[in-house]
Amino acid sequence: MEKRSQGIAKSVLKDNGAEDAEIGEILGRYKASKQTAKNKAAEELTALQTKNAELTKKLFDIDLNKAATKAAAEIDMNSEKLPYAMKLADTTKAIKDGKIDEAELKSALEDVLKSIPEFKNKQKEEEKPVVRKIGVEDKEPDKKNSTYAAMAKAFGLPEEE
């Protein structure tokens, strides 16, 4: 088919007054431009496929982070430690065919939490009621050797005994 179209192109060019040398040059440029266009299209396709793969991975990472955050909240893991826990977690069972198995992911994070209990949220342990003293203690101040005596003297108040 290619030879036939070349023959037709040569006869059209001869009919229009082109010489054999010019015909060869014109056909050569045409073939080169055709090959350049084909290469450019292939490069663009490769670039688009690469970008698609990158965006797909980013979307997957977002979904994985959402699922991990949800699982971490359920098992009371410190959210600040979650990125480190994800690096330590064995997620091979949790990720199958590009899908996330949330139960397996939760299990993997629980395994990390068992190994490193420091990743557990400390807030719940520290939520015990704390009694804070507000104001002055109930005992009588030592009026002779205290700031009371100094204040009384400064303001001209009588010192009590």
N, C-alpha and C. Protein backbone atom coordinates (compact mmCIF):
# COMPACT_ATOMS: atom_id res chain seq x y z
N MET A 1 0.82 -1.18 0.00
CA MET A 1 0.00 0.00 0.00
C MET A 1 0.87 1.25 0.00
N GLU A 2 1.97 1.19 0.76
CA GLU A 2 2.87 2.33 0.84
C GLU A 2 3.50 2.63 -0.53
N LYS A 3 3.91 1.58 -1.25
CA LYS A 3 4.54 1.79 -2.57
C LYS A 3 3.53 2.37 -3.55
N ARG A 4 2.31 1.91 -3.45
CA ARG A 4 1.28 2.41 -4.37
C ARG A 4 1.03 3.90 -4.14
N SER A 5 0.93 4.30 -2.85
CA SER A 5 0.70 5.72 -2.58
C SER A 5 1.92 6.55 -2.96
N GLN A 6 3.12 5.99 -2.85
CA GLN A 6 4.31 6.72 -3.28
C GLN A 6 4.29 6.91 -4.80
N GLY A 7 3.86 5.87 -5.51
CA GLY A 7 3.77 5.96 -6.96
C GLY A 7 2.76 7.02 -7.40
N ILE A 8 1.63 7.05 -6.71
CA ILE A 8 0.61 8.06 -7.01
C ILE A 8 1.16 9.45 -6.72
N ALA A 9 1.86 9.60 -5.59
CA ALA A 9 2.43 10.91 -5.23
C ALA A 9 3.46 11.34 -6.27
N LYS A 10 4.29 10.41 -6.73
CA LYS A 10 5.31 10.75 -7.74
C LYS A 10 4.63 11.21 -9.03
N SER A 11 3.59 10.48 -9.46
CA SER A 11 2.93 10.86 -10.71
C SER A 11 2.23 12.21 -10.59
N VAL A 12 1.65 12.51 -9.44
CA VAL A 12 1.01 13.82 -9.23
C VAL A 12 2.06 14.92 -9.26
N LEU A 13 3.19 14.67 -8.61
CA LEU A 13 4.26 15.68 -8.59
C LEU A 13 4.84 15.90 -9.99
N LYS A 14 4.99 14.82 -10.79
CA LYS A 14 5.49 14.95 -12.17
C LYS A 14 4.50 15.73 -13.02
N ASP A 15 3.20 15.44 -12.82
CA ASP A 15 2.16 16.15 -13.57
C ASP A 15 2.18 17.65 -13.24
N ASN A 16 2.63 17.98 -12.04
CA ASN A 16 2.69 19.39 -11.63
C ASN A 16 4.04 20.02 -11.92
N GLY A 17 4.90 19.35 -12.64
CA GLY A 17 6.15 19.93 -13.10
C GLY A 17 7.34 19.70 -12.21
N ALA A 18 7.28 18.81 -11.26
CA ALA A 18 8.43 18.54 -10.39
C ALA A 18 9.35 17.56 -11.09
N GLU A 19 10.65 17.74 -10.87
CA GLU A 19 11.66 16.83 -11.45
C GLU A 19 11.91 15.68 -10.49
N ASP A 20 12.60 14.63 -11.01
CA ASP A 20 12.84 13.43 -10.21
C ASP A 20 13.60 13.73 -8.92
N ALA A 21 14.60 14.60 -8.98
CA ALA A 21 15.39 14.95 -7.78
C ALA A 21 14.50 15.64 -6.74
N GLU A 22 13.65 16.53 -7.20
CA GLU A 22 12.75 17.24 -6.29
C GLU A 22 11.71 16.29 -5.70
N ILE A 23 11.25 15.37 -6.51
CA ILE A 23 10.24 14.41 -6.05
C ILE A 23 10.81 13.57 -4.90
N GLY A 24 12.05 13.09 -5.06
CA GLY A 24 12.69 12.29 -4.01
C GLY A 24 12.86 13.09 -2.73
N GLU A 25 13.24 14.36 -2.89
CA GLU A 25 13.43 15.23 -1.72
C GLU A 25 12.10 15.51 -1.03
N ILE A 26 11.06 15.78 -1.81
CA ILE A 26 9.73 16.06 -1.25
C ILE A 26 9.20 14.84 -0.50
N LEU A 27 9.34 13.67 -1.12
CA LEU A 27 8.87 12.44 -0.48
C LEU A 27 9.68 12.13 0.78
N GLY A 28 10.98 12.42 0.74
CA GLY A 28 11.83 12.21 1.92
C GLY A 28 11.41 13.09 3.09
N ARG A 29 11.12 14.37 2.78
CA ARG A 29 10.67 15.29 3.84
C ARG A 29 9.31 14.85 4.38
N TYR A 30 8.46 14.39 3.48
CA TYR A 30 7.13 13.94 3.91
C TYR A 30 7.25 12.74 4.85
N LYS A 31 8.10 11.78 4.48
CA LYS A 31 8.29 10.60 5.32
C LYS A 31 8.88 10.99 6.68
N ALA A 32 9.85 11.93 6.66
CA ALA A 32 10.48 12.37 7.91
C ALA A 32 9.46 13.08 8.81
N SER A 33 8.63 13.94 8.21
CA SER A 33 7.63 14.65 9.02
C SER A 33 6.59 13.68 9.56
N LYS A 34 6.26 12.67 8.74
CA LYS A 34 5.29 11.67 9.18
C LYS A 34 5.87 10.86 10.36
N GLN A 35 7.16 10.50 10.26
CA GLN A 35 7.81 9.75 11.33
C GLN A 35 7.95 10.62 12.59
N THR A 36 8.26 11.90 12.40
CA THR A 36 8.38 12.83 13.54
C THR A 36 7.04 12.95 14.25
N ALA A 37 5.97 13.08 13.49
CA ALA A 37 4.63 13.18 14.08
C ALA A 37 4.27 11.91 14.84
N LYS A 38 4.66 10.77 14.27
CA LYS A 38 4.39 9.48 14.91
C LYS A 38 5.16 9.37 16.22
N ASN A 39 6.45 9.80 16.21
CA ASN A 39 7.27 9.76 17.42
C ASN A 39 6.73 10.71 18.49
N LYS A 40 6.30 11.89 18.05
CA LYS A 40 5.76 12.87 18.97
C LYS A 40 4.48 12.35 19.63
N ALA A 41 3.63 11.72 18.84
CA ALA A 41 2.40 11.15 19.37
C ALA A 41 2.70 10.05 20.38
N ALA A 42 3.72 9.24 20.07
CA ALA A 42 4.11 8.17 20.99
C ALA A 42 4.65 8.75 22.30
N GLU A 43 5.44 9.82 22.22
CA GLU A 43 5.98 10.47 23.41
C GLU A 43 4.86 11.07 24.25
N GLU A 44 3.89 11.71 23.58
CA GLU A 44 2.77 12.30 24.29
C GLU A 44 1.94 11.23 24.98
N LEU A 45 1.75 10.11 24.30
CA LEU A 45 1.01 9.00 24.90
C LEU A 45 1.74 8.49 26.14
N THR A 46 3.04 8.32 26.04
CA THR A 46 3.84 7.85 27.17
C THR A 46 3.75 8.84 28.33
N ALA A 47 3.85 10.14 28.03
CA ALA A 47 3.76 11.16 29.07
C ALA A 47 2.39 11.13 29.75
N LEU A 48 1.34 10.99 28.96
CA LEU A 48 -0.01 10.93 29.52
C LEU A 48 -0.21 9.67 30.38
N GLN A 49 0.34 8.56 29.92
CA GLN A 49 0.23 7.33 30.71
C GLN A 49 0.98 7.46 32.03
N THR A 50 2.15 8.10 32.00
CA THR A 50 2.93 8.31 33.22
C THR A 50 2.17 9.22 34.19
N LYS A 51 1.62 10.30 33.65
CA LYS A 51 0.86 11.23 34.49
C LYS A 51 -0.37 10.54 35.08
N ASN A 52 -1.03 9.73 34.27
CA ASN A 52 -2.20 8.99 34.74
C ASN A 52 -1.80 8.05 35.88
N ALA A 53 -0.68 7.37 35.73
CA ALA A 53 -0.21 6.46 36.78
C ALA A 53 0.11 7.23 38.06
N GLU A 54 0.73 8.40 37.93
CA GLU A 54 1.06 9.22 39.09
C GLU A 54 -0.21 9.68 39.82
N LEU A 55 -1.18 10.15 39.04
CA LEU A 55 -2.42 10.63 39.64
C LEU A 55 -3.20 9.49 40.28
N THR A 56 -3.19 8.34 39.65
CA THR A 56 -3.85 7.16 40.22
C THR A 56 -3.21 6.78 41.54
N LYS A 57 -1.87 6.83 41.59
CA LYS A 57 -1.16 6.52 42.83
C LYS A 57 -1.49 7.54 43.92
N LYS A 58 -1.56 8.83 43.55
CA LYS A 58 -1.90 9.86 44.54
C LYS A 58 -3.31 9.63 45.10
N LEU A 59 -4.25 9.31 44.23
CA LEU A 59 -5.61 9.02 44.69
C LEU A 59 -5.64 7.80 45.61
N PHE A 60 -4.88 6.79 45.25
CA PHE A 60 -4.81 5.59 46.09
C PHE A 60 -4.20 5.94 47.45
N ASP A 61 -3.13 6.75 47.45
CA ASP A 61 -2.49 7.15 48.71
C ASP A 61 -3.46 7.93 49.59
N ILE A 62 -4.27 8.79 48.98
CA ILE A 62 -5.27 9.55 49.74
C ILE A 62 -6.29 8.59 50.37
N ASP A 63 -6.77 7.63 49.57
CA ASP A 63 -7.72 6.65 50.10
C ASP A 63 -7.09 5.81 51.22
N LEU A 64 -5.82 5.44 51.03
CA LEU A 64 -5.12 4.65 52.04
C LEU A 64 -4.95 5.46 53.33
N ASN A 65 -4.62 6.74 53.20
CA ASN A 65 -4.47 7.59 54.39
C ASN A 65 -5.80 7.77 55.12
N LYS A 66 -6.89 7.90 54.36
CA LYS A 66 -8.22 8.02 54.98
C LYS A 66 -8.55 6.75 55.77
N ALA A 67 -8.32 5.61 55.13
CA ALA A 67 -8.62 4.34 55.79
C ALA A 67 -7.73 4.14 57.01
N ALA A 68 -6.46 4.52 56.90
CA ALA A 68 -5.54 4.36 58.03
C ALA A 68 -5.92 5.30 59.18
N THR A 69 -6.33 6.51 58.85
CA THR A 69 -6.74 7.46 59.89
C THR A 69 -7.97 6.94 60.62
N LYS A 70 -8.90 6.39 59.87
CA LYS A 70 -10.12 5.82 60.47
C LYS A 70 -9.75 4.64 61.37
N ALA A 71 -8.89 3.76 60.89
CA ALA A 71 -8.49 2.59 61.67
C ALA A 71 -7.72 3.03 62.92
N ALA A 72 -6.86 4.03 62.78
CA ALA A 72 -6.08 4.52 63.93
C ALA A 72 -7.00 5.09 65.01
N ALA A 73 -8.04 5.79 64.59
CA ALA A 73 -8.98 6.35 65.56
C ALA A 73 -9.73 5.23 66.28
N GLU A 74 -10.05 4.17 65.56
CA GLU A 74 -10.78 3.05 66.16
C GLU A 74 -9.94 2.31 67.19
N ILE A 75 -8.63 2.22 66.96
CA ILE A 75 -7.77 1.48 67.89
C ILE A 75 -7.05 2.41 68.86
N ASP A 76 -7.41 3.69 68.85
CA ASP A 76 -6.88 4.69 69.76
C ASP A 76 -5.37 4.88 69.59
N MET A 77 -4.95 5.02 68.33
CA MET A 77 -3.54 5.28 68.05
C MET A 77 -3.34 6.79 67.93
N ASN A 78 -2.22 7.26 68.41
CA ASN A 78 -1.89 8.68 68.32
C ASN A 78 -1.76 9.06 66.85
N SER A 79 -2.53 10.05 66.43
CA SER A 79 -2.54 10.43 65.02
C SER A 79 -1.20 10.99 64.56
N GLU A 80 -0.43 11.56 65.47
CA GLU A 80 0.90 12.07 65.11
C GLU A 80 1.87 10.93 64.79
N LYS A 81 1.62 9.77 65.33
CA LYS A 81 2.50 8.61 65.13
C LYS A 81 2.05 7.76 63.94
N LEU A 82 0.89 8.08 63.36
CA LEU A 82 0.34 7.27 62.28
C LEU A 82 1.27 7.13 61.07
N PRO A 83 1.92 8.20 60.59
CA PRO A 83 2.83 8.01 59.44
C PRO A 83 3.94 7.00 59.71
N TYR A 84 4.45 7.01 60.94
CA TYR A 84 5.51 6.07 61.30
C TYR A 84 4.95 4.66 61.40
N ALA A 85 3.76 4.55 61.97
CA ALA A 85 3.11 3.24 62.09
C ALA A 85 2.83 2.65 60.71
N MET A 86 2.44 3.50 59.76
CA MET A 86 2.15 3.02 58.41
C MET A 86 3.42 2.48 57.74
N LYS A 87 4.55 3.10 58.04
CA LYS A 87 5.81 2.61 57.47
C LYS A 87 6.19 1.26 58.07
N LEU A 88 5.80 1.04 59.32
CA LEU A 88 6.14 -0.21 60.00
C LEU A 88 5.12 -1.31 59.74
N ALA A 89 3.91 -0.94 59.40
CA ALA A 89 2.83 -1.92 59.24
C ALA A 89 3.04 -2.77 57.99
N ASP A 90 2.69 -4.04 58.13
CA ASP A 90 2.73 -4.96 56.99
C ASP A 90 1.38 -4.86 56.27
N THR A 91 1.36 -4.07 55.21
CA THR A 91 0.10 -3.81 54.50
C THR A 91 -0.10 -4.73 53.30
N THR A 92 0.70 -5.77 53.18
CA THR A 92 0.58 -6.65 52.01
C THR A 92 -0.79 -7.33 51.95
N LYS A 93 -1.34 -7.68 53.11
CA LYS A 93 -2.65 -8.31 53.13
C LYS A 93 -3.77 -7.28 52.99
N ALA A 94 -3.48 -6.05 53.38
CA ALA A 94 -4.51 -5.01 53.38
C ALA A 94 -4.73 -4.41 51.99
N ILE A 95 -3.75 -4.55 51.11
CA ILE A 95 -3.86 -3.97 49.77
C ILE A 95 -3.85 -5.12 48.76
N LYS A 96 -4.99 -5.31 48.10
CA LYS A 96 -5.12 -6.39 47.12
C LYS A 96 -5.71 -5.82 45.85
N ASP A 97 -5.02 -5.98 44.75
CA ASP A 97 -5.50 -5.55 43.43
C ASP A 97 -5.91 -4.07 43.42
N GLY A 98 -5.16 -3.25 44.13
CA GLY A 98 -5.46 -1.83 44.15
C GLY A 98 -6.62 -1.46 45.05
N LYS A 99 -7.12 -2.40 45.83
CA LYS A 99 -8.23 -2.17 46.75
C LYS A 99 -7.71 -2.25 48.17
N ILE A 100 -8.34 -1.51 49.07
CA ILE A 100 -7.93 -1.49 50.47
C ILE A 100 -8.91 -2.29 51.31
N ASP A 101 -8.40 -3.28 52.01
CA ASP A 101 -9.20 -4.06 52.94
C ASP A 101 -9.03 -3.40 54.32
N GLU A 102 -10.06 -2.66 54.74
CA GLU A 102 -9.94 -1.86 55.97
C GLU A 102 -9.74 -2.73 57.21
N ALA A 103 -10.33 -3.89 57.25
CA ALA A 103 -10.17 -4.78 58.40
C ALA A 103 -8.71 -5.25 58.51
N GLU A 104 -8.12 -5.61 57.38
CA GLU A 104 -6.72 -6.05 57.38
C GLU A 104 -5.78 -4.89 57.73
N LEU A 105 -6.10 -3.70 57.25
CA LEU A 105 -5.30 -2.52 57.57
C LEU A 105 -5.36 -2.23 59.07
N LYS A 106 -6.55 -2.34 59.64
CA LYS A 106 -6.71 -2.13 61.08
C LYS A 106 -5.91 -3.17 61.85
N SER A 107 -5.95 -4.41 61.38
CA SER A 107 -5.19 -5.48 62.02
C SER A 107 -3.69 -5.22 61.96
N ALA A 108 -3.22 -4.74 60.82
CA ALA A 108 -1.79 -4.44 60.66
C ALA A 108 -1.38 -3.31 61.61
N LEU A 109 -2.23 -2.31 61.76
CA LEU A 109 -1.91 -1.20 62.67
C LEU A 109 -1.98 -1.66 64.13
N GLU A 110 -2.90 -2.58 64.43
CA GLU A 110 -2.96 -3.13 65.79
C GLU A 110 -1.69 -3.89 66.11
N ASP A 111 -1.14 -4.61 65.14
CA ASP A 111 0.11 -5.33 65.35
C ASP A 111 1.24 -4.36 65.67
N VAL A 112 1.28 -3.25 64.98
CA VAL A 112 2.30 -2.23 65.26
C VAL A 112 2.10 -1.67 66.65
N LEU A 113 0.85 -1.44 67.02
CA LEU A 113 0.54 -0.88 68.33
C LEU A 113 0.92 -1.85 69.45
N LYS A 114 0.76 -3.15 69.21
CA LYS A 114 1.18 -4.15 70.20
C LYS A 114 2.70 -4.14 70.35
N SER A 115 3.41 -3.97 69.24
CA SER A 115 4.87 -3.96 69.28
C SER A 115 5.41 -2.67 69.89
N ILE A 116 4.74 -1.56 69.60
CA ILE A 116 5.22 -0.26 70.07
C ILE A 116 4.06 0.44 70.77
N PRO A 117 3.87 0.16 72.05
CA PRO A 117 2.75 0.74 72.78
C PRO A 117 2.84 2.27 72.94
N GLU A 118 4.00 2.83 72.68
CA GLU A 118 4.17 4.29 72.77
C GLU A 118 3.33 5.01 71.71
N PHE A 119 2.89 4.28 70.69
CA PHE A 119 2.07 4.88 69.65
C PHE A 119 0.61 5.04 70.10
N LYS A 120 0.30 4.48 71.27
CA LYS A 120 -1.07 4.57 71.79
C LYS A 120 -1.33 6.01 72.22
N ASN A 121 -2.57 6.43 72.09
CA ASN A 121 -2.98 7.77 72.50
C ASN A 121 -2.85 7.88 74.01
N LYS A 122 -2.16 8.86 74.51
CA LYS A 122 -1.95 9.03 75.95
C LYS A 122 -3.08 9.78 76.62
N GLN A 123 -3.92 10.44 75.88
CA GLN A 123 -4.96 11.29 76.45
C GLN A 123 -5.91 10.52 77.36
N LYS A 124 -6.31 9.35 76.96
CA LYS A 124 -7.29 8.60 77.75
C LYS A 124 -6.71 8.20 79.09
N GLU A 125 -5.41 7.88 79.12
CA GLU A 125 -4.79 7.52 80.38
C GLU A 125 -4.69 8.74 81.29
N GLU A 126 -4.51 9.90 80.73
CA GLU A 126 -4.31 11.11 81.50
C GLU A 126 -5.63 11.83 81.81
N GLU A 127 -6.76 11.26 81.46
CA GLU A 127 -8.03 11.91 81.68
C GLU A 127 -8.56 11.71 83.10
N LYS A 128 -7.75 11.15 83.98
CA LYS A 128 -8.16 11.00 85.37
C LYS A 128 -8.36 12.39 85.95
N PRO A 129 -9.32 12.54 86.83
CA PRO A 129 -9.55 13.88 87.38
C PRO A 129 -8.32 14.39 88.12
N VAL A 130 -7.98 15.61 87.83
CA VAL A 130 -6.83 16.23 88.46
C VAL A 130 -7.36 17.31 89.40
N VAL A 131 -6.92 17.26 90.63
CA VAL A 131 -7.34 18.24 91.62
C VAL A 131 -6.28 19.33 91.66
N ARG A 132 -6.71 20.52 91.36
CA ARG A 132 -5.79 21.65 91.40
C ARG A 132 -6.24 22.59 92.51
N LYS A 133 -5.28 23.05 93.27
CA LYS A 133 -5.60 23.99 94.34
C LYS A 133 -5.70 25.37 93.74
N ILE A 134 -6.75 26.03 94.10
CA ILE A 134 -6.95 27.39 93.64
C ILE A 134 -7.02 28.27 94.87
N GLY A 135 -6.24 29.29 94.91
CA GLY A 135 -6.25 30.21 96.04
C GLY A 135 -5.25 29.80 97.09
N VAL A 136 -5.52 30.23 98.34
CA VAL A 136 -4.59 30.03 99.44
C VAL A 136 -4.97 28.76 100.19
N GLU A 137 -3.97 28.14 100.79
CA GLU A 137 -4.24 26.96 101.58
C GLU A 137 -5.03 27.34 102.82
N ASP A 138 -5.69 26.35 103.44
CA ASP A 138 -6.57 26.61 104.57
C ASP A 138 -5.82 26.94 105.87
N LYS A 139 -4.59 26.58 106.00
CA LYS A 139 -3.88 26.79 107.26
C LYS A 139 -3.62 28.27 107.49
N GLU A 140 -3.52 28.61 108.71
CA GLU A 140 -3.26 29.99 109.09
C GLU A 140 -1.83 30.36 108.71
N PRO A 141 -1.64 31.53 108.14
CA PRO A 141 -0.28 31.93 107.83
C PRO A 141 0.50 32.28 109.09
N ASP A 142 1.79 32.08 109.02
CA ASP A 142 2.67 32.45 110.12
C ASP A 142 2.81 33.96 110.05
N LYS A 143 2.12 34.65 110.95
CA LYS A 143 2.00 36.09 110.82
C LYS A 143 3.27 36.83 111.21
N LYS A 144 4.11 36.23 112.00
CA LYS A 144 5.33 36.92 112.41
C LYS A 144 6.42 36.81 111.35
N ASN A 145 6.53 35.69 110.71
CA ASN A 145 7.61 35.45 109.75
C ASN A 145 7.05 35.20 108.35
N SER A 146 6.22 36.07 107.88
CA SER A 146 5.64 35.85 106.58
C SER A 146 5.51 37.15 105.83
N THR A 147 4.97 37.03 104.69
CA THR A 147 4.73 38.22 103.89
C THR A 147 3.61 39.04 104.52
N TYR A 148 2.76 38.39 105.36
CA TYR A 148 1.69 39.12 106.03
C TYR A 148 2.28 40.18 106.95
N ALA A 149 3.29 39.78 107.71
CA ALA A 149 3.92 40.72 108.62
C ALA A 149 4.56 41.87 107.86
N ALA A 150 5.19 41.55 106.75
CA ALA A 150 5.82 42.59 105.95
C ALA A 150 4.78 43.52 105.35
N MET A 151 3.65 43.02 104.92
CA MET A 151 2.58 43.82 104.35
C MET A 151 1.94 44.69 105.43
N ALA A 152 1.72 44.10 106.58
CA ALA A 152 1.10 44.83 107.68
C ALA A 152 1.98 46.00 108.08
N LYS A 153 3.26 45.77 108.15
CA LYS A 153 4.21 46.82 108.51
C LYS A 153 4.23 47.90 107.43
N ALA A 154 4.19 47.50 106.16
CA ALA A 154 4.26 48.46 105.06
C ALA A 154 3.01 49.33 105.00
N PHE A 155 1.85 48.78 105.34
CA PHE A 155 0.61 49.55 105.25
C PHE A 155 0.18 50.12 106.60
N GLY A 156 0.99 49.88 107.59
CA GLY A 156 0.69 50.43 108.90
C GLY A 156 -0.43 49.73 109.62
N LEU A 157 -0.60 48.48 109.36
CA LEU A 157 -1.64 47.68 110.01
C LEU A 157 -1.07 47.10 111.31
N PRO A 158 -1.93 46.85 112.23
CA PRO A 158 -1.40 46.25 113.46
C PRO A 158 -1.01 44.80 113.23
N GLU A 159 0.08 44.41 113.83
CA GLU A 159 0.51 43.01 113.72
C GLU A 159 -0.25 42.21 114.74
N GLU A 160 -0.80 41.10 114.34
CA GLU A 160 -1.57 40.25 115.24
C GLU A 160 -0.68 39.21 115.81
N GLU A 161 -1.06 38.80 117.00
CA GLU A 161 -0.28 37.75 117.64
C GLU A 161 -1.09 36.52 117.81
